[in-house]
Amino acid sequence: MDIKGHELKLLWEKFKKEDYETAMYVEKGICEWFRTGDENLFDRLINEASNAFEYWRYIYEKQEGTINMNFLLGFRYRLREVCCNKLFGETWNEYKSME
């Protein structure tokens, strides 16, 4: 799987085509994170954060900026859990306790 770039939305769409089941697990996890039944929440939030890397990299050139940090935090936690499970067959806490 060769997925590269900075736009989260495009990266996510490519990943979702490669591993739909895992992508849905992550998307549902974000809804749980925000305690909502809004099935469009993930799409809205990833769209808002899609260009975050480039935007914040050049923030000094802009007057203002905002981003939903709770989304990025929840997304990171869920991805960490998924990656740990896929790579090591363990939860993050199990993997971390082996250090």
C-alpha atoms as a PDB file:
ATOM      1  CA  MET A   1       0.000   0.000   0.000  1.00  0.00           C
ATOM      2  CA  ASP A   2       1.691   3.200  -1.194  1.00  0.00           C
ATOM      3  CA  ILE A   3      -0.257   6.129   0.221  1.00  0.00           C
ATOM      4  CA  LYS A   4       1.505   9.494   0.367  1.00  0.00           C
ATOM      5  CA  GLY A   5       0.623  13.162   0.694  1.00  0.00           C
ATOM      6  CA  HIS A   6      -0.463  15.738   3.233  1.00  0.00           C
ATOM      7  CA  GLU A   7      -4.207  16.117   2.678  1.00  0.00           C
ATOM      8  CA  LEU A   8      -5.902  13.998   5.332  1.00  0.00           C
ATOM      9  CA  LYS A   9      -9.136  13.645   3.364  1.00  0.00           C
ATOM     10  CA  LEU A  10      -7.383  12.268   0.262  1.00  0.00           C
ATOM     11  CA  LEU A  11      -5.138  10.029   2.334  1.00  0.00           C
ATOM     12  CA  TRP A  12      -8.154   8.707   4.218  1.00  0.00           C
ATOM     13  CA  GLU A  13     -10.089   8.007   1.008  1.00  0.00           C
ATOM     14  CA  LYS A  14      -7.141   6.008  -0.366  1.00  0.00           C
ATOM     15  CA  PHE A  15      -6.769   4.096   2.884  1.00  0.00           C
ATOM     16  CA  LYS A  16     -10.508   3.394   3.023  1.00  0.00           C
ATOM     17  CA  LYS A  17     -10.326   1.764  -0.420  1.00  0.00           C
ATOM     18  CA  GLU A  18      -7.480  -0.460   0.798  1.00  0.00           C
ATOM     19  CA  ASP A  19      -8.945  -1.429   4.180  1.00  0.00           C
ATOM     20  CA  TYR A  20     -12.627  -0.530   4.439  1.00  0.00           C
ATOM     21  CA  GLU A  21     -13.243  -2.526   7.618  1.00  0.00           C
ATOM     22  CA  THR A  22     -10.493  -0.780   9.576  1.00  0.00           C
ATOM     23  CA  ALA A  23     -11.521   2.612   8.219  1.00  0.00           C
ATOM     24  CA  MET A  24     -15.091   2.071   9.397  1.00  0.00           C
ATOM     25  CA  TYR A  25     -13.813   1.014  12.826  1.00  0.00           C
ATOM     26  CA  VAL A  26     -11.880   4.277  13.087  1.00  0.00           C
ATOM     27  CA  GLU A  27     -14.786   6.391  11.831  1.00  0.00           C
ATOM     28  CA  LYS A  28     -17.195   4.801  14.319  1.00  0.00           C
ATOM     29  CA  GLY A  29     -14.608   5.324  17.046  1.00  0.00           C
ATOM     30  CA  ILE A  30     -14.613   9.052  16.321  1.00  0.00           C
ATOM     31  CA  CYS A  31     -18.401   9.109  16.750  1.00  0.00           C
ATOM     32  CA  GLU A  32     -17.937   7.325  20.088  1.00  0.00           C
ATOM     33  CA  TRP A  33     -15.180   9.804  21.034  1.00  0.00           C
ATOM     34  CA  PHE A  34     -17.589  12.702  20.457  1.00  0.00           C
ATOM     35  CA  ARG A  35     -20.540  10.722  21.885  1.00  0.00           C
ATOM     36  CA  THR A  36     -22.747  11.333  18.889  1.00  0.00           C
ATOM     37  CA  GLY A  37     -24.902   9.343  16.517  1.00  0.00           C
ATOM     38  CA  ASP A  38     -24.205  11.821  13.697  1.00  0.00           C
ATOM     39  CA  GLU A  39     -22.961   9.521  10.933  1.00  0.00           C
ATOM     40  CA  ASN A  40     -21.581  12.483   8.946  1.00  0.00           C
ATOM     41  CA  LEU A  41     -19.442  13.818  11.798  1.00  0.00           C
ATOM     42  CA  PHE A  42     -16.251  12.050  10.726  1.00  0.00           C
ATOM     43  CA  ASP A  43     -16.550  13.311   7.143  1.00  0.00           C
ATOM     44  CA  ARG A  44     -17.130  16.887   8.282  1.00  0.00           C
ATOM     45  CA  LEU A  45     -14.236  16.842  10.734  1.00  0.00           C
ATOM     46  CA  ILE A  46     -11.738  15.234   8.374  1.00  0.00           C
ATOM     47  CA  ASN A  47     -12.726  17.748   5.694  1.00  0.00           C
ATOM     48  CA  GLU A  48     -12.074  20.599   8.129  1.00  0.00           C
ATOM     49  CA  ALA A  49      -8.700  19.148   9.140  1.00  0.00           C
ATOM     50  CA  SER A  50      -7.705  17.935   5.670  1.00  0.00           C
ATOM     51  CA  ASN A  51      -5.174  20.684   4.990  1.00  0.00           C
ATOM     52  CA  ALA A  52      -4.058  21.094   8.599  1.00  0.00           C
ATOM     53  CA  PHE A  53      -0.431  20.181   7.931  1.00  0.00           C
ATOM     54  CA  GLU A  54       0.071  22.818   5.258  1.00  0.00           C
ATOM     55  CA  TYR A  55      -2.117  25.384   7.008  1.00  0.00           C
ATOM     56  CA  TRP A  56      -0.300  25.196  10.328  1.00  0.00           C
ATOM     57  CA  ARG A  57       3.098  24.895   8.699  1.00  0.00           C
ATOM     58  CA  TYR A  58       2.576  28.382   7.252  1.00  0.00           C
ATOM     59  CA  ILE A  59       0.434  29.819  10.073  1.00  0.00           C
ATOM     60  CA  TYR A  60       2.848  32.726  10.530  1.00  0.00           C
ATOM     61  CA  GLU A  61       1.675  34.042   7.141  1.00  0.00           C
ATOM     62  CA  LYS A  62      -1.990  34.080   8.211  1.00  0.00           C
ATOM     63  CA  GLN A  63      -3.991  36.349  10.487  1.00  0.00           C
ATOM     64  CA  GLU A  64      -5.790  33.589  12.361  1.00  0.00           C
ATOM     65  CA  GLY A  65      -6.580  29.901  12.323  1.00  0.00           C
ATOM     66  CA  THR A  66      -8.543  27.219  14.115  1.00  0.00           C
ATOM     67  CA  ILE A  67      -8.698  23.459  14.035  1.00  0.00           C
ATOM     68  CA  ASN A  68     -10.684  20.913  16.022  1.00  0.00           C
ATOM     69  CA  MET A  69      -7.931  19.524  18.229  1.00  0.00           C
ATOM     70  CA  ASN A  70     -10.332  17.035  19.813  1.00  0.00           C
ATOM     71  CA  PHE A  71     -10.837  15.417  16.415  1.00  0.00           C
ATOM     72  CA  LEU A  72      -7.095  15.169  15.790  1.00  0.00           C
ATOM     73  CA  LEU A  73      -6.528  13.761  19.269  1.00  0.00           C
ATOM     74  CA  GLY A  74      -9.274  11.156  18.953  1.00  0.00           C
ATOM     75  CA  PHE A  75      -8.153  10.279  15.429  1.00  0.00           C
ATOM     76  CA  ARG A  76      -4.584   9.800  16.625  1.00  0.00           C
ATOM     77  CA  TYR A  77      -5.636   7.571  19.538  1.00  0.00           C
ATOM     78  CA  ARG A  78      -7.793   5.389  17.330  1.00  0.00           C
ATOM     79  CA  LEU A  79      -5.116   5.090  14.641  1.00  0.00           C
ATOM     80  CA  ARG A  80      -2.501   4.236  17.270  1.00  0.00           C
ATOM     81  CA  GLU A  81      -4.715   1.434  18.556  1.00  0.00           C
ATOM     82  CA  VAL A  82      -5.376   0.097  15.050  1.00  0.00           C
ATOM     83  CA  CYS A  83      -1.704   0.234  14.036  1.00  0.00           C
ATOM     84  CA  CYS A  84      -0.556  -1.466  17.215  1.00  0.00           C
ATOM     85  CA  ASN A  85      -3.075  -4.240  16.706  1.00  0.00           C
ATOM     86  CA  LYS A  86      -2.171  -4.743  13.040  1.00  0.00           C
ATOM     87  CA  LEU A  87       1.601  -4.601  13.576  1.00  0.00           C
ATOM     88  CA  PHE A  88       1.939  -6.401  16.907  1.00  0.00           C
ATOM     89  CA  GLY A  89      -1.401  -8.117  17.528  1.00  0.00           C
ATOM     90  CA  GLU A  90      -1.799  -6.216  20.791  1.00  0.00           C
ATOM     91  CA  THR A  91      -3.642  -3.225  22.164  1.00  0.00           C
ATOM     92  CA  TRP A  92      -1.636  -0.060  22.763  1.00  0.00           C
ATOM     93  CA  ASN A  93      -1.671  -0.679  26.525  1.00  0.00           C
ATOM     94  CA  GLU A  94      -0.423  -4.245  26.085  1.00  0.00           C
ATOM     95  CA  TYR A  95       2.349  -3.081  23.764  1.00  0.00           C
ATOM     96  CA  LYS A  96       3.297  -0.185  26.019  1.00  0.00           C
ATOM     97  CA  SER A  97       3.541  -2.425  29.106  1.00  0.00           C
ATOM     98  CA  MET A  98       6.234  -4.507  27.366  1.00  0.00           C
ATOM     99  CA  GLU A  99       8.702  -1.595  27.385  1.00  0.00           C
END
